[in-house]
Structure formats: structure tokens, C-alpha cells
């Protein structure tokens, strides 16, 4: 079963899913090795690998290390055309539908398409929606786009619906790495009411209680990243919440 079919199957069964986002600039070596072992033990569903801007990190080395230490599927979360690695299991083909930067709506995709045709990566068309988080995040700055205001739930819901009607297979609503405030429960509920495709939520999710609240609001898959870099012991409690909502 490919990654998308797995996400769909679990959604249809009412099972919630958990992914760990690995930024190659921040997590590598022994830290990443330990994280993979703990993720396997706690039955995490996916590793997402990538970032808005990778400077010193080695994405391909991160993918190899994860694959060498666990059986959890690796999904690329690319911030650019240079973040493609054939050893991963899948790639989120992200279109930043909340912004108006043509390069991130379709431009980079045209450049990447010939590269992806020659690889065996599963490509999953994904609508990426950036939500205002109380601070300027890296993705906001690098993408040169304005996020949807945190109180404009109707705009976020309409944007997500437009993405589904355009044929995108996933919607990923995010406050951004290092977000001061996560996507609100009200916004998750509003987006979910308009969708039939899976909803991924990430950014600023720092506690098991927030994981539980997001699942209850309608998130099908939650992505955690920065919180584990600072408090890796949180993984067990967060994974337990995902199990309880499955």
C-alpha cells in the first residue's frame, strides 16, 4: 500500500495519525538516531523530512539514517526543488495555496516535474495553507507570502475547499516552524467542515493536550517538530494520544 492509500485507509477507519518533522539543519547524528528508535517504539506513522531553508544540513543523509534505523515511511516535505531524494518513500508536492507567489503555486513544480518523472517517489499533490501565528516564521519570510489571518476562519475554509475542488489530495494547514501560536481549534473545525480529503495540521503543537484538541477538532494527521527538538520525552505522551483517538 502506498503512502496516500495508507492515509486514506486510516481516515476511513477513523484512525488518527502522527508524523515527526525532521529539519536536517536541526536534527542529525545521534539525536536523529535516538529519535528514530523512539518513534518506532511508539508507532509513529511517518517521518516528514525537509524545511523552508536548509543551509548546513544534509537531507539525503537524514533520509538514509532514518531508513537505516527504523521501518517508518519517509515523506519529503520540500522547501525547494533541491530537496528531492529518491530514497524517500513519498513527496508532498506542495502548492502554497494561501499565498499569491506564483513560484510556489506552480513555478517550482514545473521545474521539479521532469526530475520526479525519472524517480520512483510517490508524489502526493498537497495544498499548503499558511496561518498567521503571532510571529514572522521562516516559511512566511522565505515564501514572501502573507499567511491567512488567524481570525479569518472563513477564508481558510474557502481556501481549503478550493484546493480540494482543484484536485489536490491533501490539505496541510500550518502555523509554521517555531510558531508562537498554533492553528486555532476554531479554524481546524471550519476547514474540516468543508473537506472530504485528509487534513494535516502542524506548527506550534507543543503539548499532548494540544495534540488531543487538534484531533478532536478534525485533524486527521498531526505533525510535530520543534517541540521534540526541545523536549524529546514528549513523544510518548503525544503518540499515546494518537492511539486513543484511533
C-alpha atoms as a PDB file:
ATOM      1  CA  UNK A   1       0.000   0.000   0.000  1.00  0.00           C
ATOM      2  CA  UNK A   2       1.394   3.402  -0.946  1.00  0.00           C
ATOM      3  CA  UNK A   3       1.517   6.314   1.484  1.00  0.00           C
ATOM      4  CA  UNK A   4      -1.561   8.143   0.235  1.00  0.00           C
ATOM      5  CA  UNK A   5      -3.684   4.991   0.272  1.00  0.00           C
ATOM      6  CA  UNK A   6      -2.495   4.375   3.828  1.00  0.00           C
ATOM      7  CA  UNK A   7      -3.538   7.890   4.894  1.00  0.00           C
ATOM      8  CA  UNK A   8      -6.936   7.442   3.238  1.00  0.00           C
ATOM      9  CA  UNK A   9      -7.480   3.984   4.732  1.00  0.00           C
ATOM     10  CA  UNK A  10      -6.758   5.186   8.250  1.00  0.00           C
ATOM     11  CA  UNK A  11      -9.007   8.219   7.776  1.00  0.00           C
ATOM     12  CA  UNK A  12     -11.868   5.970   6.650  1.00  0.00           C
ATOM     13  CA  UNK A  13     -11.301   3.770   9.697  1.00  0.00           C
ATOM     14  CA  UNK A  14     -11.397   6.811  11.976  1.00  0.00           C
ATOM     15  CA  UNK A  15      -7.762   6.345  12.972  1.00  0.00           C
ATOM     16  CA  UNK A  16      -5.658   9.412  13.723  1.00  0.00           C
ATOM     17  CA  UNK A  17      -2.050   9.632  12.547  1.00  0.00           C
ATOM     18  CA  UNK A  18       1.142  11.237  13.798  1.00  0.00           C
ATOM     19  CA  UNK A  19       4.201  12.427  11.877  1.00  0.00           C
ATOM     20  CA  UNK A  20       7.537  13.777  13.074  1.00  0.00           C
ATOM     21  CA  UNK A  21       9.041  16.614  11.035  1.00  0.00           C
ATOM     22  CA  UNK A  22      12.821  16.468  10.792  1.00  0.00           C
ATOM     23  CA  UNK A  23      14.701  19.600   9.737  1.00  0.00           C
ATOM     24  CA  UNK A  24      18.159  18.452   8.528  1.00  0.00           C
ATOM     25  CA  UNK A  25      19.654  21.702   9.845  1.00  0.00           C
ATOM     26  CA  UNK A  26      18.495  20.943  13.383  1.00  0.00           C
ATOM     27  CA  UNK A  27      18.391  17.181  13.908  1.00  0.00           C
ATOM     28  CA  UNK A  28      21.009  14.687  12.774  1.00  0.00           C
ATOM     29  CA  UNK A  29      23.532  12.130  14.003  1.00  0.00           C
ATOM     30  CA  UNK A  30      22.933  10.516  17.387  1.00  0.00           C
ATOM     31  CA  UNK A  31      19.964  12.774  18.132  1.00  0.00           C
ATOM     32  CA  UNK A  32      18.165  11.628  14.998  1.00  0.00           C
ATOM     33  CA  UNK A  33      19.154   8.019  15.587  1.00  0.00           C
ATOM     34  CA  UNK A  34      17.629   8.121  19.073  1.00  0.00           C
ATOM     35  CA  UNK A  35      14.520   9.803  17.688  1.00  0.00           C
ATOM     36  CA  UNK A  36      14.022   7.062  15.094  1.00  0.00           C
ATOM     37  CA  UNK A  37      14.285   4.360  17.743  1.00  0.00           C
ATOM     38  CA  UNK A  38      11.748   6.114  19.974  1.00  0.00           C
ATOM     39  CA  UNK A  39       9.448   6.801  17.024  1.00  0.00           C
ATOM     40  CA  UNK A  40       9.485   3.123  16.074  1.00  0.00           C
ATOM     41  CA  UNK A  41       8.756   2.123  19.664  1.00  0.00           C
ATOM     42  CA  UNK A  42       5.816   4.492  19.901  1.00  0.00           C
ATOM     43  CA  UNK A  43       4.449   3.512  16.457  1.00  0.00           C
ATOM     44  CA  UNK A  44       4.722   6.928  14.822  1.00  0.00           C
ATOM     45  CA  UNK A  45       3.186   6.784  11.347  1.00  0.00           C
ATOM     46  CA  UNK A  46       5.597   8.883   9.263  1.00  0.00           C
ATOM     47  CA  UNK A  47       8.755  10.918   9.222  1.00  0.00           C
ATOM     48  CA  UNK A  48       8.468  14.152   7.236  1.00  0.00           C
ATOM     49  CA  UNK A  49      11.884  15.466   6.163  1.00  0.00           C
ATOM     50  CA  UNK A  50      12.588  18.954   4.837  1.00  0.00           C
ATOM     51  CA  UNK A  51      12.477  22.628   5.684  1.00  0.00           C
ATOM     52  CA  UNK A  52      11.858  26.099   4.315  1.00  0.00           C
ATOM     53  CA  UNK A  53      15.596  26.714   4.149  1.00  0.00           C
ATOM     54  CA  UNK A  54      18.342  24.100   4.550  1.00  0.00           C
ATOM     55  CA  UNK A  55      21.825  25.593   4.909  1.00  0.00           C
ATOM     56  CA  UNK A  56      24.177  23.218   6.745  1.00  0.00           C
ATOM     57  CA  UNK A  57      22.077  20.052   6.881  1.00  0.00           C
ATOM     58  CA  UNK A  58      22.185  17.083   4.522  1.00  0.00           C
ATOM     59  CA  UNK A  59      18.666  15.981   3.580  1.00  0.00           C
ATOM     60  CA  UNK A  60      19.789  12.800   1.816  1.00  0.00           C
ATOM     61  CA  UNK A  61      21.900  11.767   4.803  1.00  0.00           C
ATOM     62  CA  UNK A  62      18.891  12.295   7.089  1.00  0.00           C
ATOM     63  CA  UNK A  63      16.724  10.116   4.870  1.00  0.00           C
ATOM     64  CA  UNK A  64      19.341   7.354   4.838  1.00  0.00           C
ATOM     65  CA  UNK A  65      19.789   7.473   8.615  1.00  0.00           C
ATOM     66  CA  UNK A  66      16.056   7.186   9.227  1.00  0.00           C
ATOM     67  CA  UNK A  67      15.717   4.310   6.754  1.00  0.00           C
ATOM     68  CA  UNK A  68      18.681   2.517   8.344  1.00  0.00           C
ATOM     69  CA  UNK A  69      17.237   2.710  11.859  1.00  0.00           C
ATOM     70  CA  UNK A  70      13.503   2.111  11.505  1.00  0.00           C
ATOM     71  CA  UNK A  71      10.741   0.970   9.163  1.00  0.00           C
ATOM     72  CA  UNK A  72       8.667   4.164   9.405  1.00  0.00           C
ATOM     73  CA  UNK A  73       7.934   5.635   5.940  1.00  0.00           C
ATOM     74  CA  UNK A  74       9.857   8.782   4.999  1.00  0.00           C
ATOM     75  CA  UNK A  75       7.884  11.550   3.287  1.00  0.00           C
ATOM     76  CA  UNK A  76       9.692  14.555   1.841  1.00  0.00           C
ATOM     77  CA  UNK A  77       8.337  17.950   2.906  1.00  0.00           C
ATOM     78  CA  UNK A  78      10.340  20.040   0.436  1.00  0.00           C
ATOM     79  CA  UNK A  79      11.054  23.729   0.725  1.00  0.00           C
ATOM     80  CA  UNK A  80      12.516  23.773  -2.779  1.00  0.00           C
ATOM     81  CA  UNK A  81      13.446  21.764  -5.850  1.00  0.00           C
ATOM     82  CA  UNK A  82      16.781  20.851  -4.273  1.00  0.00           C
ATOM     83  CA  UNK A  83      15.019  18.850  -1.544  1.00  0.00           C
ATOM     84  CA  UNK A  84      14.259  15.731  -3.578  1.00  0.00           C
ATOM     85  CA  UNK A  85      15.779  12.414  -2.618  1.00  0.00           C
ATOM     86  CA  UNK A  86      14.973   9.125  -4.403  1.00  0.00           C
ATOM     87  CA  UNK A  87      15.488   7.048  -1.262  1.00  0.00           C
ATOM     88  CA  UNK A  88      12.409   8.542   0.417  1.00  0.00           C
ATOM     89  CA  UNK A  89       9.049   6.797   0.117  1.00  0.00           C
ATOM     90  CA  UNK A  90       6.946   9.766  -0.958  1.00  0.00           C
ATOM     91  CA  UNK A  91       6.968  13.504  -1.552  1.00  0.00           C
ATOM     92  CA  UNK A  92       4.343  16.087  -0.677  1.00  0.00           C
ATOM     93  CA  UNK A  93       4.031  18.110  -3.895  1.00  0.00           C
ATOM     94  CA  UNK A  94       3.240  21.324  -2.036  1.00  0.00           C
ATOM     95  CA  UNK A  95       1.325  24.184  -3.608  1.00  0.00           C
ATOM     96  CA  UNK A  96       1.159  27.206  -1.292  1.00  0.00           C
ATOM     97  CA  UNK A  97      -2.486  27.956  -1.995  1.00  0.00           C
ATOM     98  CA  UNK A  98      -2.852  30.504   0.818  1.00  0.00           C
ATOM     99  CA  UNK A  99      -0.324  32.812  -0.855  1.00  0.00           C
ATOM    100  CA  UNK A 100      -0.104  34.604  -4.162  1.00  0.00           C
ATOM    101  CA  UNK A 101       3.503  33.857  -5.049  1.00  0.00           C
ATOM    102  CA  UNK A 102       3.281  32.177  -8.489  1.00  0.00           C
ATOM    103  CA  UNK A 103       6.571  30.348  -7.990  1.00  0.00           C
ATOM    104  CA  UNK A 104       5.130  28.473  -5.008  1.00  0.00           C
ATOM    105  CA  UNK A 105       1.747  27.941  -6.628  1.00  0.00           C
ATOM    106  CA  UNK A 106       3.107  26.339  -9.818  1.00  0.00           C
ATOM    107  CA  UNK A 107       6.518  27.719 -10.829  1.00  0.00           C
ATOM    108  CA  UNK A 108       8.779  25.422  -8.791  1.00  0.00           C
ATOM    109  CA  UNK A 109       6.527  22.498  -9.661  1.00  0.00           C
ATOM    110  CA  UNK A 110       7.241  22.925 -13.364  1.00  0.00           C
ATOM    111  CA  UNK A 111      10.971  22.765 -12.622  1.00  0.00           C
ATOM    112  CA  UNK A 112      10.571  19.719 -10.379  1.00  0.00           C
ATOM    113  CA  UNK A 113       8.221  17.733 -12.619  1.00  0.00           C
ATOM    114  CA  UNK A 114      10.863  16.343 -15.034  1.00  0.00           C
ATOM    115  CA  UNK A 115      13.017  15.310 -12.058  1.00  0.00           C
ATOM    116  CA  UNK A 116      10.121  13.484 -10.438  1.00  0.00           C
ATOM    117  CA  UNK A 117       9.226  11.680 -13.650  1.00  0.00           C
ATOM    118  CA  UNK A 118      12.588   9.926 -13.550  1.00  0.00           C
ATOM    119  CA  UNK A 119      12.245   8.759  -9.959  1.00  0.00           C
ATOM    120  CA  UNK A 120      10.135   6.181  -8.170  1.00  0.00           C
ATOM    121  CA  UNK A 121       8.928   8.564  -5.491  1.00  0.00           C
ATOM    122  CA  UNK A 122       5.221   8.577  -4.788  1.00  0.00           C
ATOM    123  CA  UNK A 123       4.100  12.154  -5.430  1.00  0.00           C
ATOM    124  CA  UNK A 124       1.128  13.435  -3.411  1.00  0.00           C
ATOM    125  CA  UNK A 125      -0.431  16.760  -4.547  1.00  0.00           C
ATOM    126  CA  UNK A 126      -0.905  18.796  -1.367  1.00  0.00           C
ATOM    127  CA  UNK A 127      -2.486  22.172  -0.733  1.00  0.00           C
ATOM    128  CA  UNK A 128      -0.340  24.046   1.784  1.00  0.00           C
ATOM    129  CA  UNK A 129      -2.132  26.724   3.823  1.00  0.00           C
ATOM    130  CA  UNK A 130      -0.073  29.030   6.000  1.00  0.00           C
ATOM    131  CA  UNK A 131      -1.887  30.522   9.001  1.00  0.00           C
ATOM    132  CA  UNK A 132      -0.758  33.623  10.903  1.00  0.00           C
ATOM    133  CA  UNK A 133       0.963  32.525  14.114  1.00  0.00           C
ATOM    134  CA  UNK A 134       1.790  35.666  16.107  1.00  0.00           C
ATOM    135  CA  UNK A 135       5.312  35.949  14.704  1.00  0.00           C
ATOM    136  CA  UNK A 136       7.066  36.005  11.331  1.00  0.00           C
ATOM    137  CA  UNK A 137       8.042  32.386  10.685  1.00  0.00           C
ATOM    138  CA  UNK A 138      10.791  31.184   8.370  1.00  0.00           C
ATOM    139  CA  UNK A 139       8.312  29.858   5.832  1.00  0.00           C
ATOM    140  CA  UNK A 140       6.492  33.206   5.722  1.00  0.00           C
ATOM    141  CA  UNK A 141       9.711  35.110   5.167  1.00  0.00           C
ATOM    142  CA  UNK A 142      11.224  32.718   2.624  1.00  0.00           C
ATOM    143  CA  UNK A 143       7.986  32.245   0.676  1.00  0.00           C
ATOM    144  CA  UNK A 144       7.339  36.001   0.500  1.00  0.00           C
ATOM    145  CA  UNK A 145       3.639  35.428   1.147  1.00  0.00           C
ATOM    146  CA  UNK A 146       1.150  36.682   3.703  1.00  0.00           C
ATOM    147  CA  UNK A 147      -0.414  33.994   5.898  1.00  0.00           C
ATOM    148  CA  UNK A 148      -4.166  33.859   6.355  1.00  0.00           C
ATOM    149  CA  UNK A 149      -5.064  35.918   9.463  1.00  0.00           C
ATOM    150  CA  UNK A 150      -5.696  33.695  12.473  1.00  0.00           C
ATOM    151  CA  UNK A 151      -9.239  35.061  12.929  1.00  0.00           C
ATOM    152  CA  UNK A 152     -10.304  34.618   9.296  1.00  0.00           C
ATOM    153  CA  UNK A 153     -11.624  31.073   9.534  1.00  0.00           C
ATOM    154  CA  UNK A 154     -13.940  31.555   6.571  1.00  0.00           C
ATOM    155  CA  UNK A 155     -11.006  32.423   4.286  1.00  0.00           C
ATOM    156  CA  UNK A 156      -9.052  29.373   5.426  1.00  0.00           C
ATOM    157  CA  UNK A 157     -12.075  27.118   4.914  1.00  0.00           C
ATOM    158  CA  UNK A 158     -12.764  28.500   1.432  1.00  0.00           C
ATOM    159  CA  UNK A 159      -9.076  28.142   0.507  1.00  0.00           C
ATOM    160  CA  UNK A 160      -9.033  24.519   1.630  1.00  0.00           C
ATOM    161  CA  UNK A 161     -12.222  23.763  -0.293  1.00  0.00           C
ATOM    162  CA  UNK A 162     -10.776  25.403  -3.419  1.00  0.00           C
ATOM    163  CA  UNK A 163      -7.741  23.153  -3.087  1.00  0.00           C
ATOM    164  CA  UNK A 164      -9.904  20.045  -2.926  1.00  0.00           C
ATOM    165  CA  UNK A 165     -12.005  21.176  -5.902  1.00  0.00           C
ATOM    166  CA  UNK A 166      -8.789  21.717  -7.875  1.00  0.00           C
ATOM    167  CA  UNK A 167      -7.963  18.050  -7.302  1.00  0.00           C
ATOM    168  CA  UNK A 168      -5.380  18.273  -4.537  1.00  0.00           C
ATOM    169  CA  UNK A 169      -5.294  15.112  -2.414  1.00  0.00           C
ATOM    170  CA  UNK A 170      -4.301  16.535   0.970  1.00  0.00           C
ATOM    171  CA  UNK A 171      -4.678  19.857   2.770  1.00  0.00           C
ATOM    172  CA  UNK A 172      -1.865  20.859   5.126  1.00  0.00           C
ATOM    173  CA  UNK A 173      -2.737  23.765   7.437  1.00  0.00           C
ATOM    174  CA  UNK A 174       0.252  25.076   9.321  1.00  0.00           C
ATOM    175  CA  UNK A 175       1.301  27.945  11.528  1.00  0.00           C
ATOM    176  CA  UNK A 176       4.950  27.409  10.530  1.00  0.00           C
ATOM    177  CA  UNK A 177       8.033  26.094  12.275  1.00  0.00           C
ATOM    178  CA  UNK A 178       8.651  27.933  15.537  1.00  0.00           C
ATOM    179  CA  UNK A 179       5.144  29.397  15.542  1.00  0.00           C
ATOM    180  CA  UNK A 180       4.173  31.413  18.589  1.00  0.00           C
ATOM    181  CA  UNK A 181       0.543  30.305  18.257  1.00  0.00           C
ATOM    182  CA  UNK A 182      -0.678  27.094  16.588  1.00  0.00           C
ATOM    183  CA  UNK A 183      -3.616  26.872  14.187  1.00  0.00           C
ATOM    184  CA  UNK A 184      -6.689  27.532  16.306  1.00  0.00           C
ATOM    185  CA  UNK A 185      -9.256  24.893  17.134  1.00  0.00           C
ATOM    186  CA  UNK A 186     -11.953  27.075  15.529  1.00  0.00           C
ATOM    187  CA  UNK A 187     -10.019  27.224  12.266  1.00  0.00           C
ATOM    188  CA  UNK A 188      -9.366  23.472  12.212  1.00  0.00           C
ATOM    189  CA  UNK A 189     -13.094  22.850  12.705  1.00  0.00           C
ATOM    190  CA  UNK A 190     -14.020  25.320   9.962  1.00  0.00           C
ATOM    191  CA  UNK A 191     -11.609  23.789   7.471  1.00  0.00           C
ATOM    192  CA  UNK A 192     -12.672  20.248   8.326  1.00  0.00           C
ATOM    193  CA  UNK A 193     -16.354  21.026   7.755  1.00  0.00           C
ATOM    194  CA  UNK A 194     -15.612  21.831   4.124  1.00  0.00           C
ATOM    195  CA  UNK A 195     -13.324  18.897   3.285  1.00  0.00           C
ATOM    196  CA  UNK A 196     -13.676  15.272   2.318  1.00  0.00           C
ATOM    197  CA  UNK A 197      -9.920  14.786   1.797  1.00  0.00           C
ATOM    198  CA  UNK A 198      -7.498  14.314   4.729  1.00  0.00           C
ATOM    199  CA  UNK A 199      -6.459  17.331   6.794  1.00  0.00           C
ATOM    200  CA  UNK A 200      -2.904  17.646   8.127  1.00  0.00           C
ATOM    201  CA  UNK A 201      -2.196  20.190  10.867  1.00  0.00           C
ATOM    202  CA  UNK A 202       1.226  21.329  12.096  1.00  0.00           C
ATOM    203  CA  UNK A 203       3.213  24.160  13.626  1.00  0.00           C
ATOM    204  CA  UNK A 204       3.369  25.222  17.266  1.00  0.00           C
ATOM    205  CA  UNK A 205       1.909  21.980  18.670  1.00  0.00           C
ATOM    206  CA  UNK A 206       3.883  21.640  21.885  1.00  0.00           C
ATOM    207  CA  UNK A 207       1.787  19.601  24.318  1.00  0.00           C
ATOM    208  CA  UNK A 208      -0.148  16.312  24.375  1.00  0.00           C
ATOM    209  CA  UNK A 209      -3.244  18.336  25.288  1.00  0.00           C
ATOM    210  CA  UNK A 210      -2.906  20.357  22.085  1.00  0.00           C
ATOM    211  CA  UNK A 211      -2.498  17.143  20.075  1.00  0.00           C
ATOM    212  CA  UNK A 212      -5.722  15.824  21.600  1.00  0.00           C
ATOM    213  CA  UNK A 213      -7.590  19.078  20.943  1.00  0.00           C
ATOM    214  CA  UNK A 214      -6.473  19.162  17.301  1.00  0.00           C
ATOM    215  CA  UNK A 215      -7.548  15.577  16.715  1.00  0.00           C
ATOM    216  CA  UNK A 216     -10.900  16.275  18.333  1.00  0.00           C
ATOM    217  CA  UNK A 217     -11.356  19.361  16.132  1.00  0.00           C
ATOM    218  CA  UNK A 218     -10.888  17.288  12.983  1.00  0.00           C
ATOM    219  CA  UNK A 219      -7.187  16.916  12.131  1.00  0.00           C
ATOM    220  CA  UNK A 220      -6.533  13.532  10.521  1.00  0.00           C
ATOM    221  CA  UNK A 221      -2.760  13.757  10.803  1.00  0.00           C
ATOM    222  CA  UNK A 222      -0.723  15.941  13.151  1.00  0.00           C
ATOM    223  CA  UNK A 223       2.894  16.934  12.532  1.00  0.00           C
ATOM    224  CA  UNK A 224       5.213  17.691  15.444  1.00  0.00           C
ATOM    225  CA  UNK A 225       8.734  19.049  15.122  1.00  0.00           C
ATOM    226  CA  UNK A 226      10.244  21.827  17.233  1.00  0.00           C
ATOM    227  CA  UNK A 227       8.653  20.591  20.439  1.00  0.00           C
ATOM    228  CA  UNK A 228      10.524  17.282  20.178  1.00  0.00           C
ATOM    229  CA  UNK A 229      13.818  19.021  19.467  1.00  0.00           C
ATOM    230  CA  UNK A 230      13.472  20.722  22.850  1.00  0.00           C
ATOM    231  CA  UNK A 231      11.590  18.007  24.779  1.00  0.00           C
ATOM    232  CA  UNK A 232      12.008  14.570  23.149  1.00  0.00           C
ATOM    233  CA  UNK A 233      10.312  12.923  26.123  1.00  0.00           C
ATOM    234  CA  UNK A 234       7.004  14.393  24.888  1.00  0.00           C
ATOM    235  CA  UNK A 235       6.868  11.871  22.049  1.00  0.00           C
ATOM    236  CA  UNK A 236       5.498   9.034  24.150  1.00  0.00           C
ATOM    237  CA  UNK A 237       2.604  11.086  25.504  1.00  0.00           C
ATOM    238  CA  UNK A 238       1.772  12.534  22.086  1.00  0.00           C
ATOM    239  CA  UNK A 239       1.846   9.113  20.440  1.00  0.00           C
ATOM    240  CA  UNK A 240      -0.426   7.764  23.173  1.00  0.00           C
ATOM    241  CA  UNK A 241      -2.965  10.485  22.374  1.00  0.00           C
ATOM    242  CA  UNK A 242      -2.927   9.443  18.703  1.00  0.00           C
ATOM    243  CA  UNK A 243      -3.607   5.850  19.782  1.00  0.00           C
ATOM    244  CA  UNK A 244      -6.513   6.933  21.984  1.00  0.00           C
ATOM    245  CA  UNK A 245      -8.101   8.751  19.054  1.00  0.00           C
ATOM    246  CA  UNK A 246      -7.774   5.729  16.764  1.00  0.00           C
END
